[in-house]
Amino acid sequence: MDGYFISGSQCLLCHPTCLTCNGAEPTACLTCISSKYFLSSNSSCVDCNLNGYYVSGSQCLQCDSTCKSCDDGTATSCVGCYEGIYLLATNNSCTTCKDILRYYSNDVDQTCHPKPTVQVLKFELQESPQLYLLNFDTDLDLENSLAEIKLYQISDSANNTLSTCRR
């Protein structure tokens, strides 16, 4: 009978989260009541709203170890990542971003974003030698791109002037 188990000659109650069980402890469940999910790692019935777990049918299963939240147990089903690693939307995996060429980590939404390819459309000397105006063909996150910015000196031999530009 649901909600009970037999111990010797006695019929005893299961833990309230268990539909069927083999003992009274919360870790003796075999199946769960309708509002709970079976966690096979310790035979308990839980809400399954824990970091690193997802619901599959009537079970609470573990995500891949890199995922804080996920849609299934694979490393490419991550929906959210633990602090210090970032979601790479191209394959739904969690990574540090630093090992992926031309990507940077965005702490605002905890994702990896491709670094934009930027070209200087206009370079204008405003006041020599310290103030330059650069116009780019796309938005540029300068703070995250500083390590990638290269400084070159270009000489105009006709006017014998020296200019500086960033790329």
N, C-alpha and C. Protein backbone atom coordinates (compact mmCIF):
# COMPACT_ATOMS: atom_id res chain seq x y z
N MET A 1 0.84 -1.17 0.00
CA MET A 1 0.00 0.00 0.00
C MET A 1 0.89 1.24 0.00
N ASP A 2 0.54 2.26 -0.82
CA ASP A 2 1.33 3.48 -0.90
C ASP A 2 1.41 4.18 0.45
N GLY A 3 2.63 4.70 0.75
CA GLY A 3 2.85 5.45 1.98
C GLY A 3 3.21 4.58 3.18
N TYR A 4 3.28 3.23 2.98
CA TYR A 4 3.60 2.31 4.08
C TYR A 4 4.65 1.30 3.62
N PHE A 5 5.35 0.73 4.59
CA PHE A 5 6.26 -0.37 4.32
C PHE A 5 6.12 -1.39 5.45
N ILE A 6 6.52 -2.62 5.19
CA ILE A 6 6.41 -3.69 6.19
C ILE A 6 7.77 -3.92 6.83
N SER A 7 7.79 -3.91 8.14
CA SER A 7 8.99 -4.20 8.92
C SER A 7 8.64 -5.32 9.89
N GLY A 8 9.13 -6.52 9.59
CA GLY A 8 8.75 -7.68 10.40
C GLY A 8 7.27 -7.95 10.24
N SER A 9 6.53 -7.84 11.33
CA SER A 9 5.08 -8.05 11.29
C SER A 9 4.31 -6.74 11.37
N GLN A 10 5.05 -5.62 11.27
CA GLN A 10 4.39 -4.30 11.41
C GLN A 10 4.28 -3.59 10.06
N CYS A 11 3.25 -2.82 9.93
CA CYS A 11 3.03 -1.94 8.78
C CYS A 11 3.31 -0.52 9.27
N LEU A 12 4.40 0.08 8.74
CA LEU A 12 4.83 1.40 9.22
C LEU A 12 4.72 2.44 8.11
N LEU A 13 4.63 3.72 8.53
CA LEU A 13 4.54 4.84 7.59
C LEU A 13 5.89 5.16 6.95
N CYS A 14 5.84 5.45 5.66
CA CYS A 14 7.02 5.98 4.96
C CYS A 14 7.24 7.43 5.39
N HIS A 15 8.39 7.97 5.06
CA HIS A 15 8.60 9.41 5.24
C HIS A 15 7.56 10.14 4.40
N PRO A 16 7.07 11.31 4.83
CA PRO A 16 5.99 12.01 4.12
C PRO A 16 6.29 12.35 2.65
N THR A 17 7.56 12.43 2.25
CA THR A 17 7.88 12.73 0.85
C THR A 17 7.84 11.50 -0.04
N CYS A 18 7.85 10.31 0.56
CA CYS A 18 7.89 9.05 -0.20
C CYS A 18 6.49 8.54 -0.50
N LEU A 19 6.30 8.11 -1.73
CA LEU A 19 5.06 7.42 -2.08
C LEU A 19 5.19 5.93 -1.72
N THR A 20 6.33 5.35 -2.09
CA THR A 20 6.67 3.99 -1.67
C THR A 20 8.07 4.02 -1.10
N CYS A 21 8.35 3.08 -0.18
CA CYS A 21 9.64 3.11 0.51
C CYS A 21 9.99 1.74 1.05
N ASN A 22 11.22 1.62 1.56
CA ASN A 22 11.63 0.40 2.24
C ASN A 22 12.12 0.71 3.66
N GLY A 23 11.72 1.87 4.19
CA GLY A 23 12.06 2.29 5.54
C GLY A 23 11.44 3.64 5.83
N ALA A 24 11.52 4.08 7.09
CA ALA A 24 10.87 5.33 7.50
C ALA A 24 11.74 6.56 7.27
N GLU A 25 13.02 6.37 6.97
CA GLU A 25 13.93 7.49 6.79
C GLU A 25 13.64 8.24 5.48
N PRO A 26 14.03 9.52 5.42
CA PRO A 26 13.83 10.28 4.16
C PRO A 26 14.71 9.76 3.03
N THR A 27 15.69 8.92 3.35
CA THR A 27 16.57 8.34 2.32
C THR A 27 16.22 6.87 2.05
N ALA A 28 14.99 6.49 2.29
CA ALA A 28 14.54 5.12 2.03
C ALA A 28 13.42 5.09 1.00
N CYS A 29 13.31 6.14 0.20
CA CYS A 29 12.24 6.22 -0.79
C CYS A 29 12.53 5.34 -2.00
N LEU A 30 11.48 4.81 -2.58
CA LEU A 30 11.55 4.09 -3.84
C LEU A 30 10.88 4.90 -4.95
N THR A 31 9.78 5.58 -4.59
CA THR A 31 9.10 6.52 -5.48
C THR A 31 8.63 7.70 -4.63
N CYS A 32 8.24 8.76 -5.28
CA CYS A 32 7.92 10.01 -4.56
C CYS A 32 6.46 10.41 -4.73
N ILE A 33 6.00 11.25 -3.79
CA ILE A 33 4.68 11.86 -3.94
C ILE A 33 4.74 12.80 -5.15
N SER A 34 3.61 13.22 -5.65
CA SER A 34 3.57 13.96 -6.91
C SER A 34 4.30 15.30 -6.90
N SER A 35 4.48 15.92 -5.78
CA SER A 35 5.15 17.23 -5.75
C SER A 35 6.67 17.13 -5.57
N LYS A 36 7.21 15.90 -5.51
CA LYS A 36 8.64 15.69 -5.28
C LYS A 36 9.25 14.89 -6.41
N TYR A 37 10.59 14.93 -6.50
CA TYR A 37 11.34 14.22 -7.53
C TYR A 37 12.36 13.30 -6.87
N PHE A 38 12.55 12.13 -7.45
CA PHE A 38 13.43 11.11 -6.88
C PHE A 38 14.89 11.44 -7.16
N LEU A 39 15.69 11.49 -6.10
CA LEU A 39 17.13 11.72 -6.19
C LEU A 39 17.82 10.39 -5.89
N SER A 40 18.27 9.71 -6.93
CA SER A 40 18.80 8.35 -6.79
C SER A 40 20.09 8.29 -5.98
N SER A 41 20.85 9.38 -5.93
CA SER A 41 22.13 9.35 -5.21
C SER A 41 21.96 9.06 -3.72
N ASN A 42 20.80 9.40 -3.16
CA ASN A 42 20.56 9.08 -1.75
C ASN A 42 19.13 8.57 -1.49
N SER A 43 18.45 8.15 -2.54
CA SER A 43 17.09 7.57 -2.44
C SER A 43 16.12 8.46 -1.67
N SER A 44 16.19 9.76 -1.94
CA SER A 44 15.29 10.71 -1.27
C SER A 44 14.39 11.37 -2.30
N CYS A 45 13.38 12.06 -1.81
CA CYS A 45 12.45 12.81 -2.66
C CYS A 45 12.62 14.29 -2.34
N VAL A 46 12.92 15.07 -3.37
CA VAL A 46 13.28 16.48 -3.18
C VAL A 46 12.49 17.38 -4.13
N ASP A 47 12.60 18.69 -3.92
CA ASP A 47 11.98 19.67 -4.81
C ASP A 47 12.74 19.80 -6.13
N CYS A 48 14.01 19.45 -6.13
CA CYS A 48 14.89 19.51 -7.30
C CYS A 48 15.09 20.95 -7.79
N ASN A 49 15.22 21.86 -6.87
CA ASN A 49 15.55 23.24 -7.21
C ASN A 49 16.95 23.56 -6.69
N LEU A 50 17.81 22.55 -6.70
CA LEU A 50 19.17 22.69 -6.21
C LEU A 50 20.10 23.06 -7.37
N ASN A 51 21.15 23.83 -7.07
CA ASN A 51 22.15 24.10 -8.10
C ASN A 51 22.78 22.79 -8.53
N GLY A 52 22.97 22.65 -9.84
CA GLY A 52 23.62 21.47 -10.38
C GLY A 52 22.70 20.30 -10.66
N TYR A 53 21.38 20.52 -10.55
CA TYR A 53 20.41 19.44 -10.79
C TYR A 53 19.31 19.92 -11.72
N TYR A 54 18.65 18.96 -12.39
CA TYR A 54 17.53 19.28 -13.28
C TYR A 54 16.48 18.18 -13.16
N VAL A 55 15.27 18.49 -13.56
CA VAL A 55 14.15 17.54 -13.51
C VAL A 55 14.05 16.80 -14.84
N SER A 56 13.94 15.48 -14.76
CA SER A 56 13.71 14.65 -15.93
C SER A 56 12.62 13.65 -15.55
N GLY A 57 11.40 13.88 -16.03
CA GLY A 57 10.28 13.02 -15.67
C GLY A 57 10.01 13.12 -14.17
N SER A 58 10.13 12.02 -13.46
CA SER A 58 9.90 12.02 -12.01
C SER A 58 11.21 12.02 -11.22
N GLN A 59 12.33 12.19 -11.93
CA GLN A 59 13.63 12.14 -11.27
C GLN A 59 14.32 13.49 -11.21
N CYS A 60 15.16 13.65 -10.20
CA CYS A 60 16.03 14.81 -10.05
C CYS A 60 17.44 14.31 -10.38
N LEU A 61 17.97 14.76 -11.51
CA LEU A 61 19.25 14.26 -12.00
C LEU A 61 20.31 15.35 -11.94
N GLN A 62 21.56 14.93 -11.90
CA GLN A 62 22.67 15.87 -11.78
C GLN A 62 23.10 16.39 -13.14
N CYS A 63 23.33 17.70 -13.20
CA CYS A 63 23.88 18.33 -14.40
C CYS A 63 25.34 17.91 -14.55
N ASP A 64 25.93 18.21 -15.69
CA ASP A 64 27.36 18.07 -15.84
C ASP A 64 28.02 18.95 -14.77
N SER A 65 29.17 18.56 -14.28
CA SER A 65 29.80 19.27 -13.16
C SER A 65 30.13 20.73 -13.47
N THR A 66 30.19 21.10 -14.74
CA THR A 66 30.49 22.49 -15.10
C THR A 66 29.26 23.39 -15.06
N CYS A 67 28.07 22.80 -15.05
CA CYS A 67 26.82 23.58 -15.13
C CYS A 67 26.23 23.85 -13.75
N LYS A 68 25.83 25.08 -13.51
CA LYS A 68 25.08 25.42 -12.30
C LYS A 68 23.60 25.07 -12.48
N SER A 69 23.11 25.26 -13.70
CA SER A 69 21.76 24.85 -14.08
C SER A 69 21.83 24.34 -15.52
N CYS A 70 20.92 23.42 -15.85
CA CYS A 70 21.02 22.79 -17.17
C CYS A 70 19.67 22.24 -17.62
N ASP A 71 19.63 21.80 -18.88
CA ASP A 71 18.45 21.17 -19.44
C ASP A 71 18.56 19.65 -19.44
N ASP A 72 19.80 19.13 -19.43
CA ASP A 72 20.04 17.69 -19.28
C ASP A 72 21.44 17.50 -18.72
N GLY A 73 21.93 16.28 -18.67
CA GLY A 73 23.19 16.00 -17.99
C GLY A 73 24.45 16.17 -18.81
N THR A 74 24.35 16.69 -20.02
CA THR A 74 25.54 16.84 -20.85
C THR A 74 26.22 18.18 -20.61
N ALA A 75 27.48 18.27 -20.99
CA ALA A 75 28.25 19.51 -20.81
C ALA A 75 27.80 20.60 -21.77
N THR A 76 26.99 20.26 -22.75
CA THR A 76 26.50 21.25 -23.72
C THR A 76 25.00 21.52 -23.54
N SER A 77 24.53 21.41 -22.31
CA SER A 77 23.13 21.73 -22.02
C SER A 77 23.03 22.74 -20.88
N CYS A 78 24.12 23.46 -20.63
CA CYS A 78 24.13 24.41 -19.52
C CYS A 78 23.22 25.61 -19.82
N VAL A 79 22.56 26.08 -18.78
CA VAL A 79 21.73 27.28 -18.87
C VAL A 79 22.37 28.37 -18.01
N GLY A 80 23.06 27.97 -16.95
CA GLY A 80 23.76 28.89 -16.06
C GLY A 80 25.05 28.25 -15.57
N CYS A 81 26.01 29.08 -15.18
CA CYS A 81 27.32 28.59 -14.77
C CYS A 81 27.66 29.07 -13.37
N TYR A 82 28.58 28.35 -12.73
CA TYR A 82 29.05 28.76 -11.40
C TYR A 82 29.93 29.99 -11.53
N GLU A 83 30.10 30.72 -10.42
CA GLU A 83 30.89 31.95 -10.42
C GLU A 83 32.30 31.67 -10.92
N GLY A 84 32.79 32.56 -11.75
CA GLY A 84 34.14 32.43 -12.29
C GLY A 84 34.21 31.73 -13.63
N ILE A 85 33.11 31.11 -14.06
CA ILE A 85 33.05 30.55 -15.41
C ILE A 85 31.82 31.11 -16.10
N TYR A 86 31.83 31.05 -17.42
CA TYR A 86 30.86 31.79 -18.21
C TYR A 86 30.18 30.91 -19.25
N LEU A 87 28.94 31.25 -19.58
CA LEU A 87 28.16 30.50 -20.55
C LEU A 87 28.59 30.90 -21.97
N LEU A 88 28.96 29.89 -22.74
CA LEU A 88 29.31 30.08 -24.15
C LEU A 88 28.09 29.68 -24.96
N ALA A 89 27.37 30.67 -25.49
CA ALA A 89 26.08 30.44 -26.14
C ALA A 89 26.19 29.61 -27.42
N THR A 90 27.34 29.59 -28.05
CA THR A 90 27.47 28.84 -29.31
C THR A 90 27.30 27.34 -29.11
N ASN A 91 27.57 26.83 -27.89
CA ASN A 91 27.35 25.40 -27.64
C ASN A 91 26.79 25.12 -26.24
N ASN A 92 26.28 26.14 -25.56
CA ASN A 92 25.66 26.00 -24.23
C ASN A 92 26.54 25.27 -23.22
N SER A 93 27.83 25.62 -23.21
CA SER A 93 28.76 25.05 -22.24
C SER A 93 29.29 26.16 -21.34
N CYS A 94 29.86 25.78 -20.21
CA CYS A 94 30.46 26.73 -19.28
C CYS A 94 31.97 26.66 -19.41
N THR A 95 32.61 27.82 -19.50
CA THR A 95 34.04 27.90 -19.72
C THR A 95 34.60 29.15 -19.05
N THR A 96 35.93 29.24 -18.98
CA THR A 96 36.56 30.44 -18.41
C THR A 96 36.66 31.55 -19.44
N CYS A 97 36.43 31.28 -20.68
CA CYS A 97 36.54 32.20 -21.83
C CYS A 97 37.99 32.52 -22.20
N LYS A 98 38.88 32.54 -21.23
CA LYS A 98 40.26 32.96 -21.52
C LYS A 98 40.97 31.99 -22.46
N ASP A 99 40.52 30.76 -22.53
CA ASP A 99 41.15 29.77 -23.40
C ASP A 99 40.57 29.76 -24.81
N ILE A 100 39.57 30.59 -25.05
CA ILE A 100 38.92 30.61 -26.36
C ILE A 100 39.38 31.86 -27.11
N LEU A 101 40.05 31.64 -28.20
CA LEU A 101 40.59 32.72 -29.01
C LEU A 101 39.48 33.66 -29.47
N ARG A 102 39.69 34.92 -29.31
CA ARG A 102 38.79 35.99 -29.76
C ARG A 102 37.46 36.05 -28.98
N TYR A 103 37.46 35.59 -27.73
CA TYR A 103 36.28 35.70 -26.86
C TYR A 103 36.69 36.40 -25.57
N TYR A 104 35.76 37.08 -24.95
CA TYR A 104 36.01 37.70 -23.65
C TYR A 104 34.85 37.38 -22.72
N SER A 105 35.15 37.41 -21.42
CA SER A 105 34.13 37.12 -20.42
C SER A 105 33.39 38.39 -20.04
N ASN A 106 32.07 38.30 -19.95
CA ASN A 106 31.23 39.43 -19.57
C ASN A 106 30.65 39.14 -18.19
N ASP A 107 31.11 39.88 -17.18
CA ASP A 107 30.66 39.64 -15.81
C ASP A 107 29.23 40.12 -15.57
N VAL A 108 28.70 40.97 -16.41
CA VAL A 108 27.34 41.48 -16.23
C VAL A 108 26.32 40.36 -16.39
N ASP A 109 26.41 39.60 -17.49
CA ASP A 109 25.47 38.50 -17.70
C ASP A 109 26.13 37.13 -17.63
N GLN A 110 27.36 37.08 -17.17
CA GLN A 110 28.15 35.87 -16.97
C GLN A 110 28.17 34.99 -18.22
N THR A 111 28.50 35.61 -19.36
CA THR A 111 28.59 34.90 -20.63
C THR A 111 29.90 35.21 -21.33
N CYS A 112 30.27 34.36 -22.28
CA CYS A 112 31.41 34.61 -23.17
C CYS A 112 30.88 35.28 -24.42
N HIS A 113 31.54 36.33 -24.84
CA HIS A 113 31.13 37.04 -26.05
C HIS A 113 32.30 37.08 -27.02
N PRO A 114 32.00 36.99 -28.30
CA PRO A 114 33.09 37.13 -29.27
C PRO A 114 33.60 38.57 -29.27
N LYS A 115 34.91 38.71 -29.35
CA LYS A 115 35.49 40.05 -29.45
C LYS A 115 35.19 40.57 -30.84
N PRO A 116 34.68 41.78 -30.92
CA PRO A 116 34.35 42.30 -32.25
C PRO A 116 35.61 42.61 -33.05
N THR A 117 35.53 42.41 -34.35
CA THR A 117 36.59 42.83 -35.24
C THR A 117 36.30 44.29 -35.56
N VAL A 118 37.25 45.14 -35.25
CA VAL A 118 37.04 46.58 -35.37
C VAL A 118 38.03 47.17 -36.35
N GLN A 119 37.54 48.04 -37.19
CA GLN A 119 38.41 48.78 -38.08
C GLN A 119 38.27 50.26 -37.77
N VAL A 120 39.39 50.98 -37.89
CA VAL A 120 39.35 52.42 -37.70
C VAL A 120 38.83 53.02 -39.00
N LEU A 121 37.70 53.72 -38.91
CA LEU A 121 37.13 54.35 -40.09
C LEU A 121 37.69 55.75 -40.30
N LYS A 122 38.02 56.39 -39.20
CA LYS A 122 38.52 57.76 -39.30
C LYS A 122 39.55 57.97 -38.19
N PHE A 123 40.66 58.57 -38.54
CA PHE A 123 41.70 58.89 -37.58
C PHE A 123 42.03 60.36 -37.79
N GLU A 124 41.83 61.13 -36.75
CA GLU A 124 41.99 62.57 -36.89
C GLU A 124 42.81 63.12 -35.73
N LEU A 125 43.85 63.86 -36.07
CA LEU A 125 44.68 64.50 -35.06
C LEU A 125 44.00 65.79 -34.63
N GLN A 126 43.57 65.84 -33.34
CA GLN A 126 42.89 67.02 -32.82
C GLN A 126 43.87 68.04 -32.26
N GLU A 127 44.75 67.60 -31.41
CA GLU A 127 45.78 68.46 -30.81
C GLU A 127 47.04 67.65 -30.69
N SER A 128 48.07 68.09 -31.29
CA SER A 128 49.33 67.36 -31.24
C SER A 128 50.00 67.60 -29.89
N PRO A 129 50.62 66.65 -29.27
CA PRO A 129 50.73 65.24 -29.65
C PRO A 129 49.86 64.32 -28.80
N GLN A 130 48.86 64.84 -28.07
CA GLN A 130 48.19 64.00 -27.09
C GLN A 130 46.74 63.63 -27.39
N LEU A 131 46.02 64.35 -28.18
CA LEU A 131 44.60 64.08 -28.36
C LEU A 131 44.30 63.62 -29.78
N TYR A 132 43.74 62.42 -29.89
CA TYR A 132 43.40 61.85 -31.18
C TYR A 132 41.94 61.42 -31.17
N LEU A 133 41.29 61.54 -32.28
CA LEU A 133 39.90 61.13 -32.42
C LEU A 133 39.86 59.90 -33.32
N LEU A 134 39.29 58.81 -32.78
CA LEU A 134 39.15 57.58 -33.56
C LEU A 134 37.67 57.25 -33.70
N ASN A 135 37.23 56.95 -34.88
CA ASN A 135 35.88 56.47 -35.11
C ASN A 135 35.97 55.03 -35.59
N PHE A 136 35.16 54.14 -34.97
CA PHE A 136 35.18 52.72 -35.30
C PHE A 136 33.94 52.33 -36.06
N ASP A 137 34.03 51.20 -36.77
CA ASP A 137 32.90 50.72 -37.55
C ASP A 137 31.88 49.93 -36.73
N THR A 138 32.15 49.71 -35.45
CA THR A 138 31.25 48.97 -34.58
C THR A 138 31.48 49.41 -33.14
N ASP A 139 30.54 49.06 -32.24
CA ASP A 139 30.74 49.35 -30.83
C ASP A 139 31.96 48.58 -30.33
N LEU A 140 32.70 49.19 -29.44
CA LEU A 140 33.90 48.56 -28.91
C LEU A 140 33.92 48.71 -27.41
N ASP A 141 34.08 47.60 -26.70
CA ASP A 141 34.22 47.60 -25.25
C ASP A 141 35.70 47.79 -24.95
N LEU A 142 36.12 49.04 -24.82
CA LEU A 142 37.54 49.34 -24.65
C LEU A 142 38.13 48.69 -23.41
N GLU A 143 37.39 48.66 -22.32
CA GLU A 143 37.92 48.09 -21.09
C GLU A 143 38.31 46.62 -21.28
N ASN A 144 37.50 45.85 -21.97
CA ASN A 144 37.80 44.45 -22.20
C ASN A 144 38.73 44.23 -23.39
N SER A 145 39.03 45.27 -24.14
CA SER A 145 39.86 45.14 -25.33
C SER A 145 41.24 45.75 -25.18
N LEU A 146 41.55 46.32 -24.03
CA LEU A 146 42.82 47.03 -23.86
C LEU A 146 44.04 46.15 -24.17
N ALA A 147 44.01 44.89 -23.78
CA ALA A 147 45.14 44.01 -24.03
C ALA A 147 45.34 43.75 -25.51
N GLU A 148 44.30 43.93 -26.30
CA GLU A 148 44.35 43.66 -27.74
C GLU A 148 44.70 44.91 -28.56
N ILE A 149 44.65 46.07 -27.97
CA ILE A 149 44.88 47.31 -28.72
C ILE A 149 46.38 47.48 -28.97
N LYS A 150 46.74 47.69 -30.20
CA LYS A 150 48.13 47.87 -30.59
C LYS A 150 48.36 49.35 -30.92
N LEU A 151 49.50 49.86 -30.55
CA LEU A 151 49.85 51.26 -30.77
C LEU A 151 50.94 51.31 -31.83
N TYR A 152 50.72 52.10 -32.88
CA TYR A 152 51.69 52.23 -33.96
C TYR A 152 51.97 53.70 -34.20
N GLN A 153 53.17 53.99 -34.64
CA GLN A 153 53.51 55.34 -35.05
C GLN A 153 53.62 55.35 -36.56
N ILE A 154 52.94 56.30 -37.17
CA ILE A 154 52.94 56.41 -38.62
C ILE A 154 53.52 57.77 -38.97
N SER A 155 54.48 57.75 -39.81
CA SER A 155 55.15 58.99 -40.18
C SER A 155 54.66 59.43 -41.55
N ASP A 156 54.36 60.70 -41.66
CA ASP A 156 53.99 61.29 -42.94
C ASP A 156 55.23 62.01 -43.43
N SER A 157 56.01 61.36 -44.28
CA SER A 157 57.30 61.91 -44.70
C SER A 157 57.14 63.19 -45.51
N ALA A 158 56.01 63.36 -46.19
CA ALA A 158 55.80 64.57 -46.99
C ALA A 158 55.70 65.79 -46.07
N ASN A 159 54.97 65.66 -44.95
CA ASN A 159 54.80 66.78 -44.03
C ASN A 159 55.75 66.70 -42.85
N ASN A 160 56.54 65.61 -42.80
CA ASN A 160 57.48 65.39 -41.73
C ASN A 160 56.80 65.43 -40.35
N THR A 161 55.62 64.80 -40.26
CA THR A 161 54.90 64.74 -38.98
C THR A 161 54.81 63.29 -38.52
N LEU A 162 54.59 63.14 -37.25
CA LEU A 162 54.48 61.82 -36.64
C LEU A 162 53.11 61.67 -36.03
N SER A 163 52.37 60.62 -36.35
CA SER A 163 51.04 60.39 -35.81
C SER A 163 51.02 59.06 -35.07
N THR A 164 50.10 58.93 -34.15
CA THR A 164 49.92 57.69 -33.39
C THR A 164 48.50 57.18 -33.63
N CYS A 165 48.39 55.90 -33.83
CA CYS A 165 47.05 55.35 -33.98
C CYS A 165 46.97 54.02 -33.27
N ARG A 166 45.75 53.65 -32.97
CA ARG A 166 45.50 52.37 -32.29
C ARG A 166 44.75 51.46 -33.22
N ARG A 167 45.03 50.19 -33.07
CA ARG A 167 44.35 49.22 -33.90
C ARG A 167 43.81 48.12 -33.02
